[in-house]
Protein backbone atom coordinates (compact mmCIF):
# COMPACT_ATOMS: atom_id res chain seq x y z
CA MET A 1 0.00 0.00 0.00
CA LYS A 2 1.38 3.39 -1.02
CA THR A 3 1.39 5.98 1.73
CA GLY A 4 3.02 8.95 0.04
CA PHE A 5 4.85 10.20 -2.99
CA GLU A 6 7.06 7.32 -4.14
CA LYS A 7 8.69 8.44 -7.39
CA ARG A 8 12.38 9.10 -7.62
CA ILE A 9 13.21 12.81 -7.24
CA TYR A 10 16.28 15.04 -6.98
CA THR A 11 17.93 16.44 -3.91
CA VAL A 12 19.86 19.66 -4.51
CA ALA A 13 23.18 17.75 -4.42
CA GLU A 14 21.93 15.09 -6.87
CA PHE A 15 20.57 17.78 -9.17
CA ARG A 16 23.93 19.57 -9.21
CA ARG A 17 25.71 16.29 -10.03
CA ALA A 18 23.19 15.53 -12.80
CA LEU A 19 23.66 19.02 -14.27
CA ASP A 20 27.43 18.57 -14.27
CA ASP A 21 27.00 15.23 -16.03
CA VAL A 22 24.60 16.62 -18.65
CA PHE A 23 26.74 19.68 -19.38
CA ALA A 24 29.91 17.59 -19.51
CA HIS A 25 28.20 15.53 -22.21
CA LEU A 26 26.54 18.43 -24.06
CA PRO A 27 28.67 17.77 -27.16
CA ASP A 28 27.25 14.22 -27.18
CA MET A 29 23.70 15.61 -27.12
CA ARG A 30 24.45 17.98 -29.99
CA ALA A 31 26.04 15.13 -31.95
CA ALA A 32 23.03 12.90 -31.24
CA MET A 33 20.58 15.49 -32.51
CA ARG A 34 22.62 16.26 -35.63
CA GLY A 35 24.06 12.85 -36.42
CA GLY A 36 20.93 11.08 -37.61
CA ARG A 37 22.12 7.76 -36.18
CA VAL A 38 19.13 7.75 -33.81
CA ASN A 39 16.08 8.90 -35.73
CA LYS A 40 13.14 10.73 -34.17
CA SER A 41 11.00 7.64 -33.55
CA PHE A 42 13.95 5.75 -32.01
CA ALA A 43 14.74 8.75 -29.77
CA GLU A 44 11.09 8.94 -28.65
CA ARG A 45 11.04 5.22 -27.85
CA ILE A 46 14.16 5.70 -25.69
CA MET A 47 12.53 8.59 -23.86
CA LEU A 48 9.28 6.67 -23.39
CA ALA A 49 11.19 3.66 -22.00
CA VAL A 50 12.96 5.80 -19.39
CA THR A 51 9.79 7.72 -18.55
CA GLN A 52 7.93 4.46 -18.01
CA VAL A 53 10.34 3.58 -15.21
CA ASN A 54 10.62 7.06 -13.67
CA GLY A 55 6.90 7.82 -13.98
CA CYS A 56 7.03 11.55 -14.81
CA ARG A 57 3.51 12.54 -15.84
CA TYR A 58 4.70 15.64 -17.72
CA CYS A 59 7.20 13.68 -19.82
CA HIS A 60 4.61 10.93 -20.30
CA TYR A 61 2.20 13.39 -21.87
CA GLY A 62 4.75 15.36 -23.89
CA HIS A 63 6.63 12.40 -25.27
CA ALA A 64 3.48 10.45 -26.07
CA LYS A 65 2.44 13.39 -28.28
CA ALA A 66 5.92 13.60 -29.80
CA ALA A 67 5.94 9.83 -30.40
CA LEU A 68 2.63 10.04 -32.26
CA ALA A 69 4.05 12.84 -34.39
CA ALA A 70 7.11 10.63 -35.09
CA GLY A 71 4.84 7.87 -36.43
CA ILE A 72 4.68 5.56 -33.42
CA THR A 73 1.25 3.99 -33.01
CA GLU A 74 -0.98 4.50 -29.97
CA THR A 75 -0.79 0.76 -29.27
CA GLU A 76 3.00 0.79 -29.23
CA ILE A 77 3.04 3.88 -26.99
CA ARG A 78 0.65 2.19 -24.57
CA ASP A 79 2.85 -0.93 -24.60
CA LEU A 80 5.98 1.13 -23.95
CA PHE A 81 4.28 2.76 -20.96
CA GLU A 82 3.56 -0.71 -19.64
CA GLY A 83 7.22 -1.70 -20.10
CA GLU A 84 6.43 -4.01 -23.01
CA LEU A 85 8.93 -4.13 -25.87
CA ASP A 86 7.23 -6.80 -28.01
CA LYS A 87 6.12 -4.43 -30.79
CA VAL A 88 9.22 -2.23 -31.07
CA PRO A 89 11.60 -2.70 -34.00
CA PRO A 90 13.90 -5.62 -33.09
CA THR A 91 16.96 -3.49 -33.86
CA GLN A 92 16.00 -1.15 -30.99
CA VAL A 93 15.33 -3.70 -28.24
CA VAL A 94 18.88 -3.66 -26.83
CA ALA A 95 18.82 0.15 -26.50
CA LEU A 96 15.36 0.24 -24.96
CA THR A 97 16.15 -2.56 -22.51
CA PHE A 98 19.28 -0.64 -21.51
CA ALA A 99 17.27 2.60 -21.14
CA GLN A 100 14.89 0.84 -18.73
CA HIS A 101 17.84 -0.71 -16.87
CA TYR A 102 19.56 2.70 -16.57
CA ALA A 103 16.43 4.18 -15.02
CA GLU A 104 15.82 1.19 -12.75
CA THR A 105 19.39 1.38 -11.42
CA GLU A 106 19.10 5.16 -10.94
CA GLY A 107 21.88 5.89 -13.39
CA TYR A 108 24.27 3.14 -12.29
CA PRO A 109 23.85 0.45 -14.94
CA ASP A 110 25.77 -2.79 -15.07
CA PRO A 111 28.91 -2.16 -17.20
CA ALA A 112 28.16 -5.36 -19.13
CA ALA A 113 24.75 -3.96 -20.12
CA TRP A 114 26.41 -0.78 -21.43
CA GLN A 115 29.02 -2.82 -23.30
CA ARG A 116 26.21 -4.71 -25.02
CA VAL A 117 24.83 -1.37 -26.28
CA VAL A 118 28.28 -0.39 -27.58
CA ASP A 119 28.79 -3.80 -29.21
CA THR A 120 25.32 -3.69 -30.81
CA TYR A 121 25.30 -0.12 -32.14
CA GLY A 122 28.93 0.98 -32.19
CA PRO A 123 30.48 3.69 -29.99
CA GLU A 124 28.99 6.74 -31.75
CA THR A 125 25.39 5.53 -31.78
CA ALA A 126 25.80 4.22 -28.22
CA ARG A 127 26.84 7.75 -27.14
CA ASP A 128 23.78 9.13 -28.93
CA ILE A 129 21.52 6.68 -27.09
CA MET A 130 23.10 7.63 -23.76
CA ALA A 131 22.67 11.34 -24.54
CA TYR A 132 18.92 10.86 -24.93
CA ILE A 133 18.79 8.77 -21.76
CA ARG A 134 20.62 11.48 -19.77
CA MET A 135 18.37 14.27 -20.98
CA ILE A 136 15.07 12.47 -20.38
CA THR A 137 16.25 11.29 -16.96
CA MET A 138 16.88 14.91 -15.99
CA GLY A 139 13.47 15.94 -17.30
CA ASN A 140 11.74 13.06 -15.51
CA LEU A 141 13.33 13.76 -12.16
CA LEU A 142 12.72 17.50 -12.37
CA GLY A 143 9.07 16.82 -13.17
CA ASN A 144 8.83 14.33 -10.32
CA THR A 145 10.49 16.78 -7.91
CA PHE A 146 7.95 19.42 -8.88
CA ASP A 147 5.14 16.91 -8.30
CA ALA A 148 6.61 15.96 -4.90
CA LEU A 149 6.49 19.63 -3.95
CA LEU A 150 2.86 19.89 -5.14
CA TYR A 151 2.03 16.74 -3.18
CA ARG A 152 3.61 18.25 -0.06
CA LEU A 153 1.72 21.52 -0.51
CA THR A 154 -1.58 19.58 -0.45
CA LEU A 155 -0.52 18.31 2.98
CA ARG A 156 0.00 14.72 1.85
CA PRO A 157 3.15 12.78 2.75
CA SER A 158 5.88 13.67 0.28
CA ALA A 159 8.86 11.70 -0.98
CA PRO A 160 10.67 9.67 1.67
CA GLY A 161 13.84 11.41 2.86
CA SER A 162 12.94 14.66 1.13
CA SER A 163 12.01 18.00 2.59
CA LEU A 164 10.38 21.26 1.59
CA VAL A 165 13.83 22.83 1.50
CA GLN A 166 15.19 20.16 -0.88
CA GLU A 167 12.20 20.24 -3.21
CA THR A 168 11.99 24.04 -3.45
CA GLY A 169 15.79 24.18 -3.61
CA VAL A 170 15.79 22.01 -6.73
CA ILE A 171 12.88 23.80 -8.43
CA LEU A 172 13.91 27.36 -7.62
CA GLY A 173 17.61 26.51 -7.70
CA SER A 174 17.28 25.29 -11.27
CA LEU A 175 16.81 28.93 -12.24
CA VAL A 176 20.32 29.61 -10.93
CA LEU A 177 22.05 26.23 -11.20
CA VAL A 178 21.33 25.60 -14.88
CA PRO A 179 22.85 28.87 -16.15
CA ALA A 180 25.70 28.71 -13.60
CA THR A 181 26.61 25.16 -14.60
CA PHE A 182 26.43 26.09 -18.29
CA ILE A 183 28.77 29.05 -17.76
CA ARG A 184 31.15 26.97 -15.65
CA HIS A 185 31.39 24.35 -18.39
CA LYS A 186 31.84 26.98 -21.09
CA LEU A 187 34.72 28.56 -19.15
CA ARG A 188 36.55 25.28 -18.59
CA PRO A 189 39.67 24.94 -20.70
CA ALA A 190 39.45 22.38 -23.47
CA PRO A 191 41.10 19.07 -22.63
CA PRO A 192 44.52 18.55 -24.22
CA SER A 193 44.47 16.76 -27.56
């Protein structure tokens, strides 16, 4: 029996670490969006697979609409939200299984599972897949943190181990932390070649 808000959310420290990770891999996200190795429907399936595990209602709605626009059927979207991969293109099953695994392990997947993605798709496409997983994970957890705050404000038990300070810190802090992290990463010297 559920007694409170039970979705995974960010603490301020976890959000800062996630921002650092996303901005450190921003070139991967740009490459993923420009490279064409992961087409729009594949990218939406990845995001739906992660969202199914994390349960963000905002991402659920937005990416279901985007998936329809990318040509994914309502039946397949419904199946993806139930964690079913039976109707997805067979060439995408390894990536989608990994996306679910990444979310289930809260971003600490088994190295062998990641290696299978690299072996199946090659290093460039594997990086593209991971870029989409990172971005949707951040969106999911921000959405869930906002919902945890709303839940708390209606005087219902909020996320275990969280607090009003943590939840508002993440939501309001994102207004400062996102630009600050972006600037910090832009000012970092380029790694030696």
